[in-house]
Amino acid sequence: MKTIKVGNSSLEASAVAFGVMRMVSLDVDQAAKVLQTVVDKGVNFIDSADIYGSGQSEKTFGQALKKSGIKRDDLIIQSKGGIVIDPKRSHGDLVFGKRYDFSKDHLIESVDGILQRMGIDYLDFFLLHRPDPLMEIDQISAAFDELQAAGKVRHFGVSNCNPMQVDLIQSGLSQKLMVNQLQFSVMHTGTIDFGMHTNMKDDASVNHDGEIIEYSRLHNMTIQAWSPYQYGMFEGTFIDNPKFPELNAKLQELADAKGVTKNAIATTWILRHPANMQVILGSMNPQHLSESIAGADVEMTKQEWYDLYFAAGNVLP
């Protein structure tokens, strides 16, 4: 398994991470089997959030961790907080927020709940889950200082933040923000499209995200790519989707040439980018996970990377 250093920490993490969002759908035995599968394949990084399954995903993960016999200290465990759940809109593994809340009390309460549900003593990483427009930096700073001093969180990060938001949060912290979770895949490339279309007036030239990839590289922040096989906002997977025949044909061509699956190639495409990215897998199917994880050890040329980018409907100016 290819490994990366997360941010400027000393932690050696698998380039592929396992996200437990959908673990709410499994019983403990099933969850333990899935967890053992990914660990056996070299994955040592776990990603969660306090809202996943309205907290049940973390409870199931904690029980599965205990049942599997995997040592907690052999894993790098990350979770996120800052979203207050709206129970009227949430169901199953689809959880929606009614507000974002980066107050000191809420963030500390969030971490305490995560640790209790997972049955662990500390998180390696705690991320702010999406940017709160009402955030007060001194509240975030006080929460992070208290959580770190108590040994509950080792490192911190953000998710879905643009460069100015990262700088604003970082301005009041004594800790270095090391992670930014962003949606990125061969079918979600806005963060790189606009750069290639600089000084143009076409749709691809619109900068929706700030120069977040370039910023992350300059500041040694690890980008964690979520929804690596999805198009749109949870609209569905592009793998084997008849809406995307050219992309799937190219994925299959490369998969056949390299002796892996389409999912593996989609994983490789993300990891081929030199921005120190990490891919978060969210499947609960052991076979699909094994196939996707294999992409971490596949080599891809620059032309193959561009050919997939073109097959997804993109062009060079």
Protein backbone atom coordinates (compact mmCIF):
# COMPACT_ATOMS: atom_id res chain seq x y z
CA MET A 1 0.00 0.00 0.00
CA LYS A 2 1.30 3.41 -1.00
CA THR A 3 1.62 5.69 2.02
CA ILE A 4 1.70 9.44 2.55
CA LYS A 5 2.63 11.80 5.37
CA VAL A 6 -0.54 13.62 6.46
CA GLY A 7 0.19 17.34 6.38
CA ASN A 8 3.37 18.08 8.29
CA SER A 9 2.69 15.37 10.87
CA SER A 10 4.92 12.36 11.31
CA LEU A 11 2.02 9.97 10.72
CA GLU A 12 2.52 7.48 7.89
CA ALA A 13 -0.97 6.96 6.47
CA SER A 14 -2.29 4.71 3.76
CA ALA A 15 -3.01 6.61 0.56
CA VAL A 16 -6.48 5.08 0.67
CA ALA A 17 -8.68 5.75 3.70
CA PHE A 18 -11.81 3.90 4.84
CA GLY A 19 -14.87 6.07 5.49
CA VAL A 20 -17.47 4.67 7.88
CA MET A 21 -20.43 6.86 6.87
CA ARG A 22 -22.50 3.90 5.65
CA MET A 23 -21.56 1.58 8.51
CA VAL A 24 -24.97 2.34 10.05
CA SER A 25 -26.36 -0.21 7.57
CA LEU A 26 -24.28 -3.11 8.98
CA ASP A 27 -24.48 -5.24 12.08
CA VAL A 28 -21.37 -5.61 14.22
CA ASP A 29 -20.22 -8.89 12.65
CA GLN A 30 -20.53 -7.47 9.14
CA ALA A 31 -18.76 -4.28 10.16
CA ALA A 32 -15.90 -6.23 11.76
CA LYS A 33 -15.47 -8.22 8.53
CA VAL A 34 -15.34 -5.06 6.43
CA LEU A 35 -12.87 -3.42 8.81
CA GLN A 36 -10.64 -6.49 8.79
CA THR A 37 -10.75 -6.56 4.98
CA VAL A 38 -9.44 -3.03 4.57
CA VAL A 39 -6.80 -3.44 7.28
CA ASP A 40 -5.58 -6.66 5.65
CA LYS A 41 -5.21 -4.68 2.41
CA GLY A 42 -2.95 -2.14 4.11
CA VAL A 43 -5.45 0.60 5.00
CA ASN A 44 -4.67 2.18 8.37
CA PHE A 45 -6.67 5.42 8.11
CA ILE A 46 -10.31 5.66 9.24
CA ASP A 47 -12.56 8.63 8.45
CA SER A 48 -15.83 9.45 10.18
CA ALA A 49 -18.07 12.31 11.32
CA ASP A 50 -20.29 12.70 14.33
CA ILE A 51 -23.40 13.00 12.14
CA TYR A 52 -22.89 9.80 10.13
CA GLY A 53 -25.91 7.60 10.71
CA SER A 54 -26.88 10.15 13.38
CA GLY A 55 -24.02 8.75 15.45
CA GLN A 56 -24.83 5.08 14.93
CA SER A 57 -22.07 4.59 12.35
CA GLU A 58 -19.47 5.44 15.00
CA LYS A 59 -21.11 3.16 17.55
CA THR A 60 -21.00 0.28 15.09
CA PHE A 61 -17.40 1.09 14.18
CA GLY A 62 -16.37 1.09 17.84
CA GLN A 63 -18.03 -2.27 18.44
CA ALA A 64 -16.50 -3.67 15.24
CA LEU A 65 -13.04 -2.45 16.24
CA LYS A 66 -13.35 -4.24 19.57
CA LYS A 67 -14.69 -7.43 18.00
CA SER A 68 -12.01 -7.53 15.30
CA GLY A 69 -9.16 -7.43 17.79
CA ILE A 70 -7.41 -4.76 15.73
CA LYS A 71 -5.36 -2.52 18.01
CA ARG A 72 -6.55 1.04 18.18
CA ASP A 73 -2.97 2.33 18.03
CA ASP A 74 -2.44 0.51 14.72
CA LEU A 75 -5.00 2.85 13.15
CA ILE A 76 -5.12 6.56 12.39
CA ILE A 77 -8.65 7.60 13.31
CA GLN A 78 -10.23 10.83 12.16
CA SER A 79 -13.66 12.32 12.67
CA LYS A 80 -15.43 15.58 11.95
CA GLY A 81 -17.81 17.84 13.84
CA GLY A 82 -19.60 21.15 13.61
CA ILE A 83 -22.93 20.20 11.99
CA VAL A 84 -26.09 20.14 14.07
CA ILE A 85 -28.41 17.42 12.75
CA ASP A 86 -31.88 18.17 11.46
CA PRO A 87 -33.84 15.03 12.47
CA LYS A 88 -36.80 15.97 10.25
CA ARG A 89 -34.70 15.67 7.08
CA SER A 90 -32.36 12.86 8.14
CA HIS A 91 -32.92 9.15 7.64
CA GLY A 92 -30.63 6.12 7.49
CA ASP A 93 -27.18 7.10 6.27
CA LEU A 94 -28.49 10.32 4.71
CA VAL A 95 -28.07 12.95 7.40
CA PHE A 96 -28.73 16.64 6.93
CA GLY A 97 -27.87 19.60 9.10
CA LYS A 98 -30.06 22.43 10.32
CA ARG A 99 -27.08 24.64 11.10
CA TYR A 100 -23.30 24.67 11.40
CA ASP A 101 -21.93 25.36 14.86
CA PHE A 102 -18.24 26.00 15.54
CA SER A 103 -18.75 27.23 19.09
CA LYS A 104 -16.32 25.97 21.71
CA ASP A 105 -18.99 24.10 23.63
CA HIS A 106 -20.36 22.34 20.56
CA LEU A 107 -16.95 21.28 19.25
CA ILE A 108 -15.86 19.87 22.61
CA GLU A 109 -19.20 18.13 23.03
CA SER A 110 -18.82 16.70 19.53
CA VAL A 111 -15.40 15.18 20.26
CA ASP A 112 -16.54 13.78 23.59
CA GLY A 113 -19.47 12.09 21.85
CA ILE A 114 -17.24 10.66 19.12
CA LEU A 115 -14.80 9.17 21.61
CA GLN A 116 -17.60 7.67 23.67
CA ARG A 117 -19.34 6.12 20.66
CA MET A 118 -16.12 4.71 19.23
CA GLY A 119 -14.87 3.51 22.61
CA ILE A 120 -11.47 5.16 22.17
CA ASP A 121 -9.43 7.69 24.15
CA TYR A 122 -8.27 10.06 21.42
CA LEU A 123 -8.60 11.09 17.78
CA ASP A 124 -5.58 11.45 15.56
CA PHE A 125 -7.39 14.12 13.54
CA PHE A 126 -10.49 16.22 14.14
CA LEU A 127 -11.87 18.28 11.24
CA LEU A 128 -14.33 21.13 11.09
CA HIS A 129 -17.17 19.70 9.01
CA ARG A 130 -17.86 22.34 6.32
CA PRO A 131 -17.32 26.09 6.86
CA ASP A 132 -19.59 27.94 9.28
CA PRO A 133 -20.21 31.55 8.10
CA LEU A 134 -20.88 32.51 11.75
CA MET A 135 -17.64 31.00 13.05
CA GLU A 136 -15.77 32.94 15.70
CA ILE A 137 -12.09 32.11 15.51
CA ASP A 138 -11.46 32.55 19.23
CA GLN A 139 -14.12 29.93 19.95
CA ILE A 140 -12.48 27.44 17.57
CA SER A 141 -9.04 28.20 19.02
CA ALA A 142 -10.22 27.71 22.59
CA ALA A 143 -11.85 24.39 21.69
CA PHE A 144 -8.77 23.10 19.85
CA ASP A 145 -6.44 24.13 22.67
CA GLU A 146 -8.58 22.40 25.28
CA LEU A 147 -9.01 19.25 23.21
CA GLN A 148 -5.29 18.99 22.50
CA ALA A 149 -4.25 19.74 26.09
CA ALA A 150 -6.62 17.02 27.33
CA GLY A 151 -5.07 14.50 24.93
CA LYS A 152 -8.36 14.01 23.11
CA VAL A 153 -7.18 15.22 19.68
CA ARG A 154 -3.68 15.19 18.25
CA HIS A 155 -4.10 17.11 14.98
CA PHE A 156 -6.71 19.28 13.26
CA GLY A 157 -8.07 20.12 9.84
CA VAL A 158 -11.06 21.34 7.87
CA SER A 159 -13.37 20.13 5.15
CA ASN A 160 -14.75 21.80 2.03
CA CYS A 161 -13.00 25.09 2.80
CA ASN A 162 -11.56 27.54 0.29
CA PRO A 163 -8.12 29.13 0.80
CA MET A 164 -9.39 32.31 2.45
CA GLN A 165 -11.50 30.31 4.92
CA VAL A 166 -8.48 28.17 5.77
CA ASP A 167 -6.37 31.28 6.33
CA LEU A 168 -9.06 32.87 8.48
CA ILE A 169 -9.33 29.82 10.74
CA GLN A 170 -5.57 29.31 10.82
CA SER A 171 -4.99 32.93 11.85
CA GLY A 172 -6.23 32.28 15.38
CA LEU A 173 -4.87 28.80 16.00
CA SER A 174 -1.77 27.58 17.75
CA GLN A 175 -2.08 24.30 15.79
CA LYS A 176 -1.33 23.80 12.10
CA LEU A 177 -4.32 22.78 9.98
CA MET A 178 -3.13 19.66 8.17
CA VAL A 179 -6.12 18.34 6.21
CA ASN A 180 -8.84 19.62 3.88
CA GLN A 181 -11.53 17.21 2.71
CA LEU A 182 -12.77 18.05 -0.78
CA GLN A 183 -14.89 16.30 -3.37
CA PHE A 184 -12.53 15.32 -6.19
CA SER A 185 -12.65 12.65 -8.88
CA VAL A 186 -12.36 12.29 -12.63
CA MET A 187 -16.00 13.44 -12.78
CA HIS A 188 -15.57 16.30 -10.29
CA THR A 189 -12.64 18.39 -11.49
CA GLY A 190 -13.63 22.01 -10.99
CA THR A 191 -10.62 22.60 -8.75
CA ILE A 192 -8.28 21.97 -11.68
CA ASP A 193 -10.42 22.93 -14.70
CA PHE A 194 -10.34 26.67 -14.11
CA GLY A 195 -6.56 26.69 -13.82
CA MET A 196 -6.15 25.27 -17.31
CA HIS A 197 -8.73 27.76 -18.60
CA THR A 198 -7.11 30.85 -17.10
CA ASN A 199 -7.72 34.02 -19.10
CA MET A 200 -10.70 32.50 -20.91
CA LYS A 201 -14.47 33.11 -20.82
CA ASP A 202 -15.83 29.56 -21.12
CA ASP A 203 -17.67 27.71 -18.33
CA ALA A 204 -14.55 25.79 -17.31
CA SER A 205 -12.75 29.05 -16.49
CA VAL A 206 -15.11 29.82 -13.58
CA ASN A 207 -13.27 29.56 -10.27
CA HIS A 208 -15.72 28.16 -7.71
CA ASP A 209 -13.24 27.03 -5.06
CA GLY A 210 -10.34 29.44 -4.96
CA GLU A 211 -6.95 28.01 -5.82
CA ILE A 212 -7.45 25.34 -3.17
CA ILE A 213 -5.25 22.65 -4.70
CA GLU A 214 -2.38 25.05 -5.31
CA TYR A 215 -2.89 26.51 -1.83
CA SER A 216 -2.84 23.04 -0.25
CA ARG A 217 0.42 22.18 -2.00
CA LEU A 218 2.06 25.42 -0.90
CA HIS A 219 0.92 24.94 2.71
CA ASN A 220 1.55 21.19 2.93
CA MET A 221 -2.09 20.33 3.59
CA THR A 222 -3.32 16.88 2.65
CA ILE A 223 -6.37 16.86 0.40
CA GLN A 224 -8.71 13.98 1.18
CA ALA A 225 -10.85 13.21 -1.86
CA TRP A 226 -14.39 12.18 -0.96
CA SER A 227 -16.95 10.60 -3.32
CA PRO A 228 -14.17 9.34 -5.64
CA TYR A 229 -16.61 7.40 -7.85
CA GLN A 230 -19.62 9.73 -7.71
CA TYR A 231 -20.83 12.39 -10.10
CA GLY A 232 -22.74 15.42 -8.89
CA MET A 233 -23.70 15.66 -5.23
CA PHE A 234 -24.44 12.00 -4.41
CA GLU A 235 -26.32 11.60 -7.73
CA GLY A 236 -24.78 8.19 -8.30
CA THR A 237 -21.64 6.45 -9.42
CA PHE A 238 -20.11 7.00 -12.83
CA ILE A 239 -18.64 3.48 -12.83
CA ASP A 240 -20.62 1.28 -15.27
CA ASN A 241 -23.10 4.12 -15.72
CA PRO A 242 -24.53 4.23 -19.27
CA LYS A 243 -24.61 8.04 -19.05
CA PHE A 244 -20.82 8.01 -19.38
CA PRO A 245 -19.92 5.51 -22.13
CA GLU A 246 -16.66 7.14 -23.24
CA LEU A 247 -15.32 7.39 -19.69
CA ASN A 248 -16.22 3.79 -18.87
CA ALA A 249 -14.64 2.55 -22.09
CA LYS A 250 -11.38 4.27 -21.22
CA LEU A 251 -11.53 3.06 -17.60
CA GLN A 252 -12.04 -0.50 -18.86
CA GLU A 253 -9.21 -0.19 -21.40
CA LEU A 254 -6.76 0.88 -18.69
CA ALA A 255 -8.12 -1.65 -16.20
CA ASP A 256 -7.57 -4.47 -18.68
CA ALA A 257 -4.07 -3.26 -19.47
CA LYS A 258 -3.09 -3.08 -15.81
CA GLY A 259 -4.95 -6.14 -14.53
CA VAL A 260 -7.29 -4.30 -12.16
CA THR A 261 -10.86 -2.97 -12.15
CA LYS A 262 -12.41 0.33 -13.19
CA ASN A 263 -12.70 1.38 -9.57
CA ALA A 264 -8.98 0.82 -9.11
CA ILE A 265 -8.20 3.01 -12.12
CA ALA A 266 -10.47 5.76 -10.78
CA THR A 267 -8.50 5.56 -7.52
CA THR A 268 -5.18 5.71 -9.37
CA TRP A 269 -6.31 8.78 -11.32
CA ILE A 270 -6.74 10.77 -8.09
CA LEU A 271 -3.50 9.56 -6.54
CA ARG A 272 -1.55 10.35 -9.73
CA HIS A 273 -1.97 14.05 -8.96
CA PRO A 274 1.12 15.37 -7.13
CA ALA A 275 -0.87 17.18 -4.40
CA ASN A 276 -0.35 14.53 -1.70
CA MET A 277 -3.97 13.41 -1.92
CA GLN A 278 -5.70 10.64 -0.02
CA VAL A 279 -8.76 8.79 -1.37
CA ILE A 280 -11.67 8.09 0.99
CA LEU A 281 -13.59 4.92 0.17
CA GLY A 282 -17.15 4.65 1.46
CA SER A 283 -18.32 1.24 0.27
CA MET A 284 -19.33 -1.44 2.77
CA ASN A 285 -18.82 -4.23 0.22
CA PRO A 286 -15.54 -6.11 0.96
CA GLN A 287 -15.03 -7.07 -2.70
CA HIS A 288 -15.59 -3.53 -3.97
CA LEU A 289 -13.26 -2.19 -1.30
CA SER A 290 -10.52 -4.65 -2.22
CA GLU A 291 -10.85 -3.76 -5.90
CA SER A 292 -10.74 -0.02 -5.21
CA ILE A 293 -7.80 -0.25 -2.80
CA ALA A 294 -5.73 -2.00 -5.49
CA GLY A 295 -5.56 1.29 -7.36
CA ALA A 296 -3.14 2.68 -4.79
CA ASP A 297 -0.37 0.49 -6.19
CA VAL A 298 -1.02 1.05 -9.91
CA GLU A 299 1.24 3.25 -12.02
CA MET A 300 -0.31 5.74 -14.45
CA THR A 301 1.44 7.83 -17.07
CA LYS A 302 0.70 11.50 -17.60
CA GLN A 303 -0.94 10.72 -20.95
CA GLU A 304 -3.17 8.08 -19.39
CA TRP A 305 -4.22 10.60 -16.74
CA TYR A 306 -5.07 13.16 -19.42
CA ASP A 307 -6.86 10.57 -21.56
CA LEU A 308 -9.22 9.82 -18.66
CA TYR A 309 -9.71 13.54 -18.08
CA PHE A 310 -10.73 13.92 -21.75
CA ALA A 311 -12.98 10.83 -21.61
CA ALA A 312 -14.87 12.48 -18.75
CA GLY A 313 -15.84 15.26 -21.15
CA ASN A 314 -13.09 17.79 -20.49
CA VAL A 315 -10.98 19.61 -23.06
CA LEU A 316 -7.74 21.53 -23.13
CA PRO A 317 -7.93 25.16 -24.32
